[in-house]
N, C-alpha and C. Protein backbone atom coordinates (compact mmCIF):
# COMPACT_ATOMS: atom_id res chain seq x y z
N MET A 1 0.82 -1.19 0.00
CA MET A 1 0.00 0.00 0.00
C MET A 1 0.86 1.25 0.00
N LYS A 2 2.03 1.16 0.63
CA LYS A 2 2.92 2.31 0.70
C LYS A 2 3.44 2.68 -0.70
N ILE A 3 3.69 1.68 -1.54
CA ILE A 3 4.15 1.94 -2.91
C ILE A 3 3.05 2.66 -3.68
N PHE A 4 1.81 2.20 -3.53
CA PHE A 4 0.68 2.86 -4.21
C PHE A 4 0.56 4.31 -3.77
N ASP A 5 0.71 4.58 -2.47
CA ASP A 5 0.64 5.94 -1.96
C ASP A 5 1.75 6.81 -2.54
N SER A 6 2.95 6.25 -2.66
CA SER A 6 4.07 7.00 -3.23
C SER A 6 3.83 7.32 -4.70
N ILE A 7 3.35 6.35 -5.44
CA ILE A 7 3.05 6.57 -6.86
C ILE A 7 1.93 7.59 -7.01
N TYR A 8 0.91 7.46 -6.19
CA TYR A 8 -0.20 8.42 -6.22
C TYR A 8 0.30 9.83 -5.93
N TYR A 9 1.15 9.96 -4.91
CA TYR A 9 1.69 11.27 -4.54
C TYR A 9 2.52 11.86 -5.68
N LEU A 10 3.34 11.02 -6.31
CA LEU A 10 4.18 11.47 -7.41
C LEU A 10 3.32 12.00 -8.56
N PHE A 11 2.31 11.23 -8.97
CA PHE A 11 1.46 11.66 -10.07
C PHE A 11 0.60 12.87 -9.69
N ASP A 12 0.20 12.95 -8.44
CA ASP A 12 -0.58 14.09 -7.98
C ASP A 12 0.24 15.37 -8.09
N LYS A 13 1.48 15.32 -7.62
CA LYS A 13 2.36 16.49 -7.69
C LYS A 13 2.69 16.84 -9.14
N MET A 14 2.93 15.82 -9.95
CA MET A 14 3.24 16.05 -11.35
C MET A 14 2.04 16.70 -12.06
N GLU A 15 0.85 16.21 -11.76
CA GLU A 15 -0.37 16.77 -12.35
C GLU A 15 -0.53 18.23 -11.96
N ASP A 16 -0.33 18.55 -10.69
CA ASP A 16 -0.45 19.94 -10.24
C ASP A 16 0.52 20.84 -10.98
N HIS A 17 1.75 20.39 -11.14
CA HIS A 17 2.78 21.18 -11.81
C HIS A 17 2.43 21.39 -13.30
N ILE A 18 2.07 20.32 -13.97
CA ILE A 18 1.75 20.41 -15.40
C ILE A 18 0.50 21.26 -15.61
N ARG A 19 -0.52 21.03 -14.80
CA ARG A 19 -1.77 21.79 -14.95
C ARG A 19 -1.54 23.28 -14.71
N ALA A 20 -0.71 23.61 -13.74
CA ALA A 20 -0.42 25.02 -13.45
C ALA A 20 0.29 25.67 -14.64
N ARG A 21 1.21 24.96 -15.26
CA ARG A 21 1.94 25.53 -16.41
C ARG A 21 1.03 25.63 -17.63
N LEU A 22 0.24 24.58 -17.88
CA LEU A 22 -0.62 24.60 -19.07
C LEU A 22 -1.77 25.59 -18.93
N ALA A 23 -2.19 25.88 -17.71
CA ALA A 23 -3.30 26.81 -17.50
C ALA A 23 -2.96 28.20 -18.03
N ARG A 24 -1.68 28.50 -18.12
CA ARG A 24 -1.25 29.80 -18.66
C ARG A 24 -1.35 29.86 -20.18
N HIS A 25 -1.55 28.70 -20.80
CA HIS A 25 -1.62 28.59 -22.26
C HIS A 25 -2.86 27.77 -22.64
N PRO A 26 -4.05 28.36 -22.51
CA PRO A 26 -5.28 27.59 -22.69
C PRO A 26 -5.42 26.95 -24.07
N PHE A 27 -4.90 27.59 -25.10
CA PHE A 27 -5.04 27.04 -26.45
C PHE A 27 -4.25 25.72 -26.56
N ILE A 28 -3.02 25.72 -26.07
CA ILE A 28 -2.19 24.51 -26.09
C ILE A 28 -2.79 23.46 -25.15
N TYR A 29 -3.25 23.92 -23.98
CA TYR A 29 -3.88 23.03 -22.99
C TYR A 29 -5.07 22.29 -23.62
N THR A 30 -5.86 23.02 -24.41
CA THR A 30 -7.02 22.42 -25.05
C THR A 30 -6.61 21.30 -26.00
N PHE A 31 -5.59 21.55 -26.81
CA PHE A 31 -5.16 20.52 -27.76
C PHE A 31 -4.57 19.30 -27.05
N ILE A 32 -3.77 19.53 -26.03
CA ILE A 32 -3.18 18.41 -25.30
C ILE A 32 -4.27 17.60 -24.59
N GLY A 33 -5.17 18.30 -23.90
CA GLY A 33 -6.27 17.61 -23.22
C GLY A 33 -7.17 16.87 -24.20
N GLY A 34 -7.49 17.52 -25.32
CA GLY A 34 -8.33 16.88 -26.34
C GLY A 34 -7.68 15.63 -26.90
N ALA A 35 -6.37 15.71 -27.17
CA ALA A 35 -5.65 14.54 -27.68
C ALA A 35 -5.67 13.40 -26.65
N GLY A 36 -5.50 13.75 -25.38
CA GLY A 36 -5.54 12.73 -24.34
C GLY A 36 -6.88 12.02 -24.27
N VAL A 37 -7.95 12.80 -24.36
CA VAL A 37 -9.31 12.21 -24.32
C VAL A 37 -9.54 11.30 -25.52
N VAL A 38 -9.17 11.80 -26.71
CA VAL A 38 -9.38 11.01 -27.93
C VAL A 38 -8.57 9.72 -27.88
N LEU A 39 -7.30 9.81 -27.45
CA LEU A 39 -6.47 8.60 -27.39
C LEU A 39 -6.98 7.60 -26.35
N PHE A 40 -7.49 8.11 -25.23
CA PHE A 40 -8.08 7.22 -24.22
C PHE A 40 -9.25 6.44 -24.83
N TRP A 41 -10.19 7.15 -25.45
CA TRP A 41 -11.36 6.48 -26.00
C TRP A 41 -11.02 5.62 -27.21
N ARG A 42 -9.98 6.00 -27.96
CA ARG A 42 -9.51 5.16 -29.06
C ARG A 42 -9.02 3.82 -28.51
N GLY A 43 -8.30 3.87 -27.40
CA GLY A 43 -7.83 2.64 -26.77
C GLY A 43 -8.97 1.77 -26.27
N VAL A 44 -9.96 2.39 -25.65
CA VAL A 44 -11.13 1.64 -25.18
C VAL A 44 -11.83 0.98 -26.37
N TRP A 45 -11.98 1.74 -27.45
CA TRP A 45 -12.65 1.24 -28.65
C TRP A 45 -11.90 0.03 -29.22
N HIS A 46 -10.57 0.13 -29.32
CA HIS A 46 -9.79 -0.97 -29.88
C HIS A 46 -9.81 -2.21 -28.97
N ILE A 47 -9.78 -2.00 -27.67
CA ILE A 47 -9.89 -3.14 -26.76
C ILE A 47 -11.23 -3.85 -26.96
N ALA A 48 -12.30 -3.08 -27.08
CA ALA A 48 -13.62 -3.68 -27.33
C ALA A 48 -13.60 -4.44 -28.65
N ASP A 49 -12.94 -3.89 -29.68
CA ASP A 49 -12.85 -4.59 -30.97
C ASP A 49 -12.11 -5.92 -30.84
N VAL A 50 -11.03 -5.94 -30.06
CA VAL A 50 -10.26 -7.17 -29.85
C VAL A 50 -11.14 -8.22 -29.17
N PHE A 51 -11.86 -7.82 -28.12
CA PHE A 51 -12.75 -8.77 -27.45
C PHE A 51 -13.85 -9.24 -28.38
N GLU A 52 -14.37 -8.34 -29.20
CA GLU A 52 -15.45 -8.71 -30.13
C GLU A 52 -14.96 -9.74 -31.15
N LYS A 53 -13.75 -9.58 -31.63
CA LYS A 53 -13.22 -10.47 -32.67
C LYS A 53 -12.70 -11.79 -32.13
N ASN A 54 -12.24 -11.79 -30.88
CA ASN A 54 -11.52 -12.96 -30.37
C ASN A 54 -12.27 -13.80 -29.36
N SER A 55 -13.51 -13.47 -29.05
CA SER A 55 -14.25 -14.33 -28.15
C SER A 55 -15.72 -14.35 -28.54
N GLN A 56 -16.32 -15.49 -28.31
CA GLN A 56 -17.73 -15.64 -28.66
C GLN A 56 -18.60 -14.72 -27.81
N LEU A 57 -18.32 -14.66 -26.51
CA LEU A 57 -19.08 -13.79 -25.62
C LEU A 57 -18.85 -12.32 -26.00
N GLY A 58 -17.59 -11.99 -26.31
CA GLY A 58 -17.27 -10.63 -26.71
C GLY A 58 -17.98 -10.21 -27.98
N ALA A 59 -18.22 -11.17 -28.87
CA ALA A 59 -18.94 -10.87 -30.12
C ALA A 59 -20.36 -10.39 -29.81
N TYR A 60 -20.96 -10.89 -28.75
CA TYR A 60 -22.30 -10.43 -28.36
C TYR A 60 -22.24 -9.13 -27.56
N ILE A 61 -21.34 -9.11 -26.56
CA ILE A 61 -21.27 -7.95 -25.67
C ILE A 61 -20.85 -6.69 -26.40
N PHE A 62 -19.88 -6.82 -27.30
CA PHE A 62 -19.33 -5.64 -27.98
C PHE A 62 -19.85 -5.45 -29.39
N SER A 63 -20.93 -6.14 -29.73
CA SER A 63 -21.61 -5.85 -30.99
C SER A 63 -22.23 -4.47 -30.88
N PRO A 64 -22.68 -3.87 -31.98
CA PRO A 64 -23.29 -2.53 -31.87
C PRO A 64 -24.42 -2.47 -30.84
N LEU A 65 -25.33 -3.41 -30.89
CA LEU A 65 -26.45 -3.41 -29.93
C LEU A 65 -25.94 -3.69 -28.52
N GLY A 66 -25.06 -4.66 -28.39
CA GLY A 66 -24.50 -4.99 -27.08
C GLY A 66 -23.76 -3.81 -26.47
N SER A 67 -23.02 -3.06 -27.30
CA SER A 67 -22.30 -1.89 -26.81
C SER A 67 -23.24 -0.82 -26.28
N VAL A 68 -24.34 -0.60 -27.00
CA VAL A 68 -25.32 0.39 -26.54
C VAL A 68 -25.93 -0.04 -25.22
N VAL A 69 -26.34 -1.30 -25.14
CA VAL A 69 -26.97 -1.80 -23.92
C VAL A 69 -25.98 -1.75 -22.76
N LEU A 70 -24.75 -2.22 -22.98
CA LEU A 70 -23.74 -2.20 -21.92
C LEU A 70 -23.43 -0.77 -21.50
N GLY A 71 -23.29 0.13 -22.47
CA GLY A 71 -23.01 1.52 -22.15
C GLY A 71 -24.13 2.16 -21.34
N VAL A 72 -25.37 1.91 -21.73
CA VAL A 72 -26.51 2.46 -20.99
C VAL A 72 -26.56 1.90 -19.58
N LEU A 73 -26.31 0.60 -19.43
CA LEU A 73 -26.32 -0.01 -18.10
C LEU A 73 -25.22 0.59 -17.21
N ILE A 74 -24.03 0.77 -17.76
CA ILE A 74 -22.94 1.35 -16.98
C ILE A 74 -23.28 2.78 -16.58
N LEU A 75 -23.77 3.58 -17.55
CA LEU A 75 -24.09 4.98 -17.25
C LEU A 75 -25.25 5.09 -16.26
N LEU A 76 -26.27 4.25 -16.40
CA LEU A 76 -27.39 4.29 -15.46
C LEU A 76 -26.97 3.85 -14.07
N SER A 77 -26.17 2.80 -14.00
CA SER A 77 -25.79 2.28 -12.68
C SER A 77 -24.85 3.20 -11.93
N THR A 78 -24.11 4.05 -12.65
CA THR A 78 -23.20 4.98 -11.99
C THR A 78 -23.83 6.36 -11.82
N GLY A 79 -25.05 6.54 -12.31
CA GLY A 79 -25.74 7.82 -12.18
C GLY A 79 -25.23 8.88 -13.15
N LEU A 80 -24.54 8.45 -14.20
CA LEU A 80 -23.96 9.40 -15.14
C LEU A 80 -24.74 9.53 -16.44
N PHE A 81 -25.77 8.74 -16.62
CA PHE A 81 -26.47 8.73 -17.90
C PHE A 81 -26.94 10.12 -18.30
N VAL A 82 -27.61 10.81 -17.41
CA VAL A 82 -28.13 12.14 -17.72
C VAL A 82 -27.00 13.16 -17.81
N SER A 83 -26.06 13.13 -16.85
CA SER A 83 -25.02 14.16 -16.81
C SER A 83 -24.09 14.08 -18.02
N VAL A 84 -23.86 12.89 -18.55
CA VAL A 84 -23.00 12.76 -19.72
C VAL A 84 -23.62 13.50 -20.91
N PHE A 85 -24.92 13.44 -21.02
CA PHE A 85 -25.58 14.05 -22.16
C PHE A 85 -26.09 15.45 -21.88
N ILE A 86 -26.26 15.80 -20.61
CA ILE A 86 -26.79 17.11 -20.24
C ILE A 86 -25.67 18.04 -19.77
N GLY A 87 -24.79 17.57 -18.92
CA GLY A 87 -23.70 18.39 -18.42
C GLY A 87 -23.41 18.10 -16.95
N ASP A 88 -22.47 18.84 -16.40
CA ASP A 88 -22.02 18.61 -15.03
C ASP A 88 -22.92 19.25 -13.98
N SER A 89 -23.89 20.04 -14.41
CA SER A 89 -24.72 20.74 -13.42
C SER A 89 -25.46 19.77 -12.51
N ILE A 90 -25.81 18.62 -13.03
CA ILE A 90 -26.52 17.64 -12.19
C ILE A 90 -25.61 17.10 -11.10
N ILE A 91 -24.34 16.94 -11.40
CA ILE A 91 -23.39 16.46 -10.40
C ILE A 91 -23.24 17.51 -9.29
N MET A 92 -23.08 18.77 -9.70
CA MET A 92 -22.92 19.83 -8.70
C MET A 92 -24.17 19.98 -7.84
N SER A 93 -25.33 19.86 -8.45
CA SER A 93 -26.55 19.98 -7.65
C SER A 93 -26.69 18.82 -6.68
N GLY A 94 -26.20 17.64 -7.09
CA GLY A 94 -26.23 16.49 -6.19
C GLY A 94 -25.28 16.65 -5.02
N ILE A 95 -24.11 17.20 -5.29
CA ILE A 95 -23.13 17.43 -4.22
C ILE A 95 -23.67 18.45 -3.23
N LYS A 96 -24.33 19.50 -3.75
CA LYS A 96 -24.85 20.55 -2.87
C LYS A 96 -26.23 20.18 -2.31
N HIS A 97 -26.73 19.02 -2.68
CA HIS A 97 -28.06 18.56 -2.26
C HIS A 97 -29.15 19.54 -2.69
N ASP A 98 -28.96 20.14 -3.86
CA ASP A 98 -29.99 21.03 -4.39
C ASP A 98 -31.21 20.22 -4.80
N LYS A 99 -32.34 20.86 -4.72
CA LYS A 99 -33.56 20.22 -5.19
C LYS A 99 -33.65 20.40 -6.70
N LYS A 100 -34.38 19.50 -7.35
CA LYS A 100 -34.66 19.69 -8.76
C LYS A 100 -35.58 20.89 -8.88
N ILE A 101 -35.56 21.55 -10.01
CA ILE A 101 -36.39 22.74 -10.20
C ILE A 101 -37.86 22.40 -9.93
N ILE A 102 -38.27 21.22 -10.32
CA ILE A 102 -39.67 20.82 -10.12
C ILE A 102 -39.99 20.72 -8.64
N GLU A 103 -39.00 20.32 -7.82
CA GLU A 103 -39.22 20.12 -6.39
C GLU A 103 -39.11 21.40 -5.57
N LYS A 104 -38.58 22.45 -6.18
CA LYS A 104 -38.38 23.69 -5.42
C LYS A 104 -39.72 24.34 -5.10
N THR A 105 -39.79 24.85 -3.91
CA THR A 105 -41.00 25.54 -3.48
C THR A 105 -40.86 27.02 -3.82
N ILE A 106 -41.94 27.73 -3.69
CA ILE A 106 -41.93 29.17 -3.94
C ILE A 106 -40.96 29.85 -2.98
N GLU A 107 -40.90 29.35 -1.74
CA GLU A 107 -39.98 29.92 -0.76
C GLU A 107 -38.53 29.75 -1.21
N ASP A 108 -38.20 28.56 -1.75
CA ASP A 108 -36.85 28.32 -2.25
C ASP A 108 -36.50 29.28 -3.37
N VAL A 109 -37.42 29.45 -4.29
CA VAL A 109 -37.19 30.34 -5.43
C VAL A 109 -37.03 31.78 -4.94
N ASP A 110 -37.90 32.20 -4.01
CA ASP A 110 -37.81 33.56 -3.47
C ASP A 110 -36.48 33.76 -2.74
N SER A 111 -36.04 32.75 -2.00
CA SER A 111 -34.78 32.85 -1.28
C SER A 111 -33.61 33.00 -2.26
N GLU A 112 -33.61 32.19 -3.33
CA GLU A 112 -32.56 32.30 -4.34
C GLU A 112 -32.61 33.66 -5.02
N LYS A 113 -33.81 34.15 -5.29
CA LYS A 113 -33.96 35.47 -5.92
C LYS A 113 -33.39 36.55 -5.01
N SER A 114 -33.68 36.45 -3.72
CA SER A 114 -33.16 37.41 -2.75
C SER A 114 -31.64 37.38 -2.71
N ASP A 115 -31.06 36.18 -2.71
CA ASP A 115 -29.60 36.05 -2.71
C ASP A 115 -28.99 36.69 -3.95
N ILE A 116 -29.59 36.44 -5.09
CA ILE A 116 -29.09 37.01 -6.34
C ILE A 116 -29.19 38.53 -6.32
N GLU A 117 -30.28 39.05 -5.79
CA GLU A 117 -30.44 40.50 -5.70
C GLU A 117 -29.38 41.12 -4.80
N LYS A 118 -29.04 40.44 -3.68
CA LYS A 118 -27.99 40.93 -2.78
C LYS A 118 -26.64 40.95 -3.49
N ILE A 119 -26.37 39.92 -4.25
CA ILE A 119 -25.12 39.85 -5.00
C ILE A 119 -25.06 40.97 -6.03
N LEU A 120 -26.18 41.21 -6.70
CA LEU A 120 -26.24 42.28 -7.70
C LEU A 120 -25.96 43.64 -7.06
N VAL A 121 -26.54 43.89 -5.89
CA VAL A 121 -26.30 45.14 -5.18
C VAL A 121 -24.81 45.27 -4.85
N ALA A 122 -24.20 44.19 -4.38
CA ALA A 122 -22.77 44.22 -4.04
C ALA A 122 -21.92 44.50 -5.28
N VAL A 123 -22.28 43.91 -6.40
CA VAL A 123 -21.54 44.14 -7.64
C VAL A 123 -21.68 45.60 -8.08
N VAL A 124 -22.87 46.14 -7.99
CA VAL A 124 -23.09 47.55 -8.35
C VAL A 124 -22.27 48.46 -7.44
N ASP A 125 -22.25 48.16 -6.14
CA ASP A 125 -21.45 48.95 -5.20
C ASP A 125 -19.97 48.89 -5.55
N MET A 126 -19.49 47.69 -5.88
CA MET A 126 -18.08 47.54 -6.25
C MET A 126 -17.77 48.33 -7.53
N LYS A 127 -18.69 48.33 -8.46
CA LYS A 127 -18.50 49.09 -9.70
C LYS A 127 -18.37 50.58 -9.39
N LYS A 128 -19.24 51.08 -8.52
CA LYS A 128 -19.17 52.50 -8.14
C LYS A 128 -17.84 52.82 -7.47
N GLU A 129 -17.40 51.95 -6.56
CA GLU A 129 -16.12 52.16 -5.88
C GLU A 129 -14.96 52.16 -6.88
N LEU A 130 -15.01 51.26 -7.85
CA LEU A 130 -13.96 51.22 -8.86
C LEU A 130 -13.95 52.51 -9.69
N GLU A 131 -15.13 53.00 -10.02
CA GLU A 131 -15.21 54.24 -10.79
C GLU A 131 -14.62 55.40 -9.99
N ILE A 132 -14.89 55.46 -8.70
CA ILE A 132 -14.33 56.52 -7.84
C ILE A 132 -12.81 56.39 -7.80
N LEU A 133 -12.30 55.19 -7.60
CA LEU A 133 -10.86 54.97 -7.55
C LEU A 133 -10.21 55.33 -8.89
N GLU A 134 -10.88 54.97 -9.97
CA GLU A 134 -10.35 55.30 -11.30
C GLU A 134 -10.29 56.82 -11.48
N HIS A 135 -11.32 57.51 -11.04
CA HIS A 135 -11.37 58.96 -11.15
C HIS A 135 -10.24 59.59 -10.33
N LYS A 136 -10.03 59.09 -9.10
CA LYS A 136 -8.95 59.60 -8.25
C LYS A 136 -7.58 59.35 -8.90
N ALA A 137 -7.41 58.15 -9.48
CA ALA A 137 -6.13 57.81 -10.11
C ALA A 137 -5.86 58.71 -11.32
N ARG A 138 -6.89 58.99 -12.10
CA ARG A 138 -6.73 59.88 -13.25
C ARG A 138 -6.38 61.29 -12.81
N ASN A 139 -7.02 61.76 -11.74
CA ASN A 139 -6.72 63.10 -11.21
C ASN A 139 -5.28 63.19 -10.75
N LYS A 140 -4.77 62.14 -10.09
CA LYS A 140 -3.38 62.14 -9.61
C LYS A 140 -2.43 62.15 -10.81
N CYS A 141 -2.79 61.40 -11.87
CA CYS A 141 -1.93 61.35 -13.06
C CYS A 141 -1.92 62.71 -13.76
N ASP A 142 -3.07 63.37 -13.79
CA ASP A 142 -3.15 64.67 -14.45
C ASP A 142 -2.37 65.73 -13.67
N LEU A 143 -2.39 65.63 -12.33
CA LEU A 143 -1.68 66.61 -11.51
C LEU A 143 -0.18 66.36 -11.50
N GLY A 144 0.18 65.10 -11.58
CA GLY A 144 1.58 64.72 -11.43
C GLY A 144 2.33 64.81 -12.65
């Protein structure tokens, strides 16, 4: 177990370092990440093809229909079926224990509306403060 922890720590640190450097170059980061995703799924696809060609059971499981059924079962059993096709918002709402929009009460909606209005007021106040600071900075530059 200690070896696994060491390897995990090594890859975790390496990931942090690489991600921090690539984050400064989003265009390159996109291509590298995209290539990684495509190569991962290409490998999964080829492994399924090998099983389909080399075993009788694999010929059924990894046939077009079998692949759809197996994929749906995996996605449904892990709770990812909807999020894969809809987006990550369902995962975040599950983590935060948010109610579905259908389940929200009027009080919940009013509370969210009130929170949003408070945030809007704070943003407007910050904008005014920035404008004042900008005006002061321009005056100092003009005088100096």
